[in-house]
Amino acid sequence: MEGAILHTNSNKDLDLILQLAEKLGISSKKLSKKEMEDWGLANAITKGKTNEYVDTESFLTELQNDR
């Protein structure tokens, strides 16, 4: 399975792409702004995940010192 994410400011162009996908038998879904934000956040979390323990107190102290 492969996937793609497209972004445009033109609803007309996006609708055309979705129609083309349907004609080609490609499943597609128009995402809301909230869904795009959720996907971006989930992607950032996944990329930043290190599986290493981080001490909460030292992390918060470091954040406060950076002000």
N, C-alpha and C. Protein backbone atom coordinates (compact mmCIF):
# COMPACT_ATOMS: atom_id res chain seq x y z
N MET A 1 0.85 -1.18 0.00
CA MET A 1 0.00 0.00 0.00
C MET A 1 0.89 1.24 0.00
N GLU A 2 0.54 2.18 -0.80
CA GLU A 2 1.23 3.46 -0.88
C GLU A 2 0.23 4.58 -0.62
N GLY A 3 0.69 5.75 -0.26
CA GLY A 3 -0.20 6.86 0.01
C GLY A 3 0.44 8.18 -0.37
N ALA A 4 -0.37 9.20 -0.41
CA ALA A 4 0.11 10.54 -0.73
C ALA A 4 -0.77 11.55 -0.02
N ILE A 5 -0.19 12.68 0.31
CA ILE A 5 -0.95 13.79 0.87
C ILE A 5 -0.74 14.98 -0.05
N LEU A 6 -1.83 15.58 -0.46
CA LEU A 6 -1.79 16.73 -1.34
C LEU A 6 -2.41 17.92 -0.62
N HIS A 7 -1.92 19.10 -0.91
CA HIS A 7 -2.49 20.31 -0.31
C HIS A 7 -2.65 21.37 -1.38
N THR A 8 -3.79 22.01 -1.38
CA THR A 8 -4.04 23.13 -2.30
C THR A 8 -4.98 24.11 -1.62
N ASN A 9 -4.91 25.33 -2.03
CA ASN A 9 -5.84 26.35 -1.53
C ASN A 9 -7.08 26.45 -2.41
N SER A 10 -7.12 25.64 -3.47
CA SER A 10 -8.23 25.69 -4.41
C SER A 10 -9.13 24.47 -4.22
N ASN A 11 -10.35 24.69 -3.74
CA ASN A 11 -11.32 23.60 -3.60
C ASN A 11 -11.65 22.99 -4.96
N LYS A 12 -11.68 23.81 -5.99
CA LYS A 12 -11.99 23.34 -7.34
C LYS A 12 -10.93 22.34 -7.80
N ASP A 13 -9.66 22.67 -7.62
CA ASP A 13 -8.57 21.77 -8.01
C ASP A 13 -8.59 20.49 -7.19
N LEU A 14 -8.85 20.61 -5.89
CA LEU A 14 -8.89 19.43 -5.03
C LEU A 14 -10.03 18.51 -5.45
N ASP A 15 -11.19 19.07 -5.73
CA ASP A 15 -12.32 18.26 -6.17
C ASP A 15 -12.00 17.53 -7.48
N LEU A 16 -11.29 18.20 -8.38
CA LEU A 16 -10.89 17.59 -9.65
C LEU A 16 -9.96 16.40 -9.40
N ILE A 17 -9.00 16.58 -8.52
CA ILE A 17 -8.07 15.49 -8.18
C ILE A 17 -8.82 14.32 -7.55
N LEU A 18 -9.76 14.60 -6.66
CA LEU A 18 -10.54 13.54 -6.03
C LEU A 18 -11.40 12.80 -7.04
N GLN A 19 -11.96 13.52 -8.01
CA GLN A 19 -12.75 12.89 -9.07
C GLN A 19 -11.86 11.97 -9.91
N LEU A 20 -10.66 12.44 -10.23
CA LEU A 20 -9.72 11.64 -11.01
C LEU A 20 -9.34 10.38 -10.24
N ALA A 21 -9.06 10.51 -8.97
CA ALA A 21 -8.72 9.35 -8.14
C ALA A 21 -9.85 8.33 -8.18
N GLU A 22 -11.08 8.80 -8.05
CA GLU A 22 -12.24 7.90 -8.07
C GLU A 22 -12.32 7.16 -9.41
N LYS A 23 -12.12 7.88 -10.51
CA LYS A 23 -12.19 7.26 -11.84
C LYS A 23 -11.09 6.22 -12.02
N LEU A 24 -9.93 6.44 -11.35
CA LEU A 24 -8.81 5.50 -11.45
C LEU A 24 -8.92 4.36 -10.45
N GLY A 25 -9.95 4.39 -9.61
CA GLY A 25 -10.13 3.33 -8.61
C GLY A 25 -9.24 3.49 -7.40
N ILE A 26 -8.81 4.72 -7.15
CA ILE A 26 -7.95 5.02 -6.01
C ILE A 26 -8.81 5.59 -4.90
N SER A 27 -8.70 5.00 -3.71
CA SER A 27 -9.50 5.54 -2.60
C SER A 27 -8.88 6.87 -2.15
N SER A 28 -9.74 7.79 -1.79
CA SER A 28 -9.27 9.11 -1.37
C SER A 28 -10.24 9.67 -0.35
N LYS A 29 -9.78 10.67 0.38
CA LYS A 29 -10.61 11.31 1.39
C LYS A 29 -10.19 12.76 1.52
N LYS A 30 -11.17 13.63 1.54
CA LYS A 30 -10.91 15.05 1.75
C LYS A 30 -10.83 15.26 3.26
N LEU A 31 -9.72 15.85 3.73
CA LEU A 31 -9.51 16.06 5.16
C LEU A 31 -9.91 17.48 5.57
N SER A 32 -10.47 17.58 6.76
CA SER A 32 -10.77 18.90 7.32
C SER A 32 -9.46 19.51 7.86
N LYS A 33 -9.50 20.77 8.17
CA LYS A 33 -8.33 21.43 8.73
C LYS A 33 -7.92 20.75 10.04
N LYS A 34 -8.89 20.38 10.87
CA LYS A 34 -8.60 19.71 12.14
C LYS A 34 -7.93 18.36 11.91
N GLU A 35 -8.42 17.61 10.93
CA GLU A 35 -7.82 16.31 10.62
C GLU A 35 -6.38 16.48 10.12
N MET A 36 -6.12 17.52 9.34
CA MET A 36 -4.75 17.77 8.87
C MET A 36 -3.84 18.14 10.04
N GLU A 37 -4.34 18.95 10.97
CA GLU A 37 -3.56 19.32 12.15
C GLU A 37 -3.27 18.08 13.00
N ASP A 38 -4.27 17.23 13.18
CA ASP A 38 -4.08 16.01 13.96
C ASP A 38 -3.04 15.10 13.32
N TRP A 39 -3.09 14.97 12.00
CA TRP A 39 -2.11 14.15 11.29
C TRP A 39 -0.71 14.73 11.47
N GLY A 40 -0.59 16.04 11.34
CA GLY A 40 0.71 16.70 11.51
C GLY A 40 1.28 16.49 12.90
N LEU A 41 0.43 16.61 13.91
CA LEU A 41 0.87 16.41 15.28
C LEU A 41 1.29 14.96 15.51
N ALA A 42 0.50 14.02 15.03
CA ALA A 42 0.84 12.60 15.18
C ALA A 42 2.16 12.29 14.47
N ASN A 43 2.37 12.87 13.31
CA ASN A 43 3.60 12.66 12.56
C ASN A 43 4.80 13.24 13.32
N ALA A 44 4.65 14.42 13.90
CA ALA A 44 5.74 15.04 14.66
C ALA A 44 6.07 14.21 15.91
N ILE A 45 5.05 13.68 16.57
CA ILE A 45 5.27 12.84 17.75
C ILE A 45 6.03 11.58 17.36
N THR A 46 5.63 10.96 16.27
CA THR A 46 6.30 9.74 15.81
C THR A 46 7.75 10.01 15.46
N LYS A 47 8.04 11.10 14.78
CA LYS A 47 9.42 11.43 14.40
C LYS A 47 10.27 11.77 15.62
N GLY A 48 9.67 12.36 16.63
CA GLY A 48 10.42 12.78 17.81
C GLY A 48 10.55 11.71 18.88
N LYS A 49 9.89 10.59 18.68
CA LYS A 49 9.88 9.51 19.67
C LYS A 49 11.25 8.83 19.72
N THR A 50 11.85 8.77 20.92
CA THR A 50 13.17 8.15 21.07
C THR A 50 13.14 6.87 21.90
N ASN A 51 12.02 6.61 22.58
CA ASN A 51 11.90 5.47 23.48
C ASN A 51 12.90 5.51 24.63
N GLU A 52 13.41 6.69 24.93
CA GLU A 52 14.31 6.88 26.06
C GLU A 52 13.55 7.58 27.18
N TYR A 53 13.87 7.21 28.42
CA TYR A 53 13.24 7.84 29.57
C TYR A 53 13.75 9.26 29.72
N VAL A 54 12.85 10.18 29.99
CA VAL A 54 13.20 11.58 30.24
C VAL A 54 12.67 11.93 31.61
N ASP A 55 13.57 12.40 32.48
CA ASP A 55 13.16 12.81 33.82
C ASP A 55 12.33 14.08 33.73
N THR A 56 11.11 14.02 34.21
CA THR A 56 10.17 15.14 34.10
C THR A 56 10.69 16.39 34.78
N GLU A 57 11.22 16.25 35.99
CA GLU A 57 11.70 17.43 36.73
C GLU A 57 12.84 18.12 36.01
N SER A 58 13.82 17.37 35.54
CA SER A 58 14.95 18.00 34.86
C SER A 58 14.52 18.62 33.53
N PHE A 59 13.55 17.99 32.85
CA PHE A 59 13.04 18.53 31.60
C PHE A 59 12.34 19.87 31.84
N LEU A 60 11.49 19.93 32.87
CA LEU A 60 10.78 21.17 33.18
C LEU A 60 11.74 22.27 33.61
N THR A 61 12.74 21.90 34.40
CA THR A 61 13.75 22.87 34.84
C THR A 61 14.49 23.44 33.65
N GLU A 62 14.84 22.58 32.70
CA GLU A 62 15.54 23.03 31.51
C GLU A 62 14.66 23.97 30.68
N LEU A 63 13.38 23.67 30.57
CA LEU A 63 12.47 24.55 29.85
C LEU A 63 12.38 25.92 30.51
N GLN A 64 12.31 25.95 31.84
CA GLN A 64 12.20 27.21 32.56
C GLN A 64 13.48 28.02 32.42
N ASN A 65 14.63 27.38 32.37
CA ASN A 65 15.91 28.08 32.24
C ASN A 65 16.12 28.69 30.86
N ASP A 66 15.40 28.18 29.87
CA ASP A 66 15.54 28.68 28.50
C ASP A 66 14.77 29.97 28.25
N ARG A 67 14.02 30.42 29.22
CA ARG A 67 13.23 31.65 29.03
C ARG A 67 14.06 32.84 29.01
